[in-house]
Amino acid sequence: MQLTIALAVAAVSPASLAGFYQSQTMEVGGGIELKADGQFRYELDYGAVSEGAEGTWTADGGKVLLTTSPMPTEPTFDLVRDSPAPRCSLSLKVDWGRFGWSSAPDVLVAYQAKPKELHLLQADERGVVHLGNCAVTTVIPMVPVYDVPGQPLKLSPAKGHRLTLRFRPNDLGHAAFRGEPLKIDGNSLLLERYGAQIRFQRVRP
């Protein structure tokens, strides 16, 4: 029994995992390099997403954990104006700058009765968000494609809001991994990202 445990630990030691892993998932390009000194490099191209990261990695049981270093400044939205609107209404207009996005972003909202419970809502083509409750206290705009939440915007639940926002991309495309788990599957690493399971197969030490 002790020998079996020792062999399992050895199988996931940093020395045995170090190497270059390339995406083997259709329509996904990219790779992960795990260096023997505990550093990693990562790149991914998947649909409209193009991102990369570098930092440190560790092995924990049957997983590899990635932590970006230095941690990037994630994209967010600046509140330019909160104009009066009929009660129980919420709409958004965004200045996307150099980005070609035209529609309003999806949002996470919290209501007064349950301030810690977030609800994902979509805006229509006019930027109107159809609320399930009038008493909105928090709105968190989501970055399109990357699904990164911006900073929470605190709102008064006693009135409606017509929000004008400015997108601040900061380090968009630089993945902020905080112990991101990749499952070890033989000579492959499996990453769950953007609603897909992406397989990176080891191609060289």
Foldseek 3Di string as FASTA:
>chain_A
DVVVVVVQVVCQALVNQAFKWFWPDPQKGWIKGQHSVFKIKIWIDHPPATAIFIDGWGTDRQKIWDAGPPFFDAKAKDWPDWDFDAQLWEFEAEDADPDPDGAFFWKWWAFPVGRVDTDTFDAPRRRITRDPDRGTAWIWGADPPQRHTHDIDGDGSVGYTYTYIYIDGGPPRYDGGDRQIWGHDPQWTWHCGPNDTIIIGGDTD
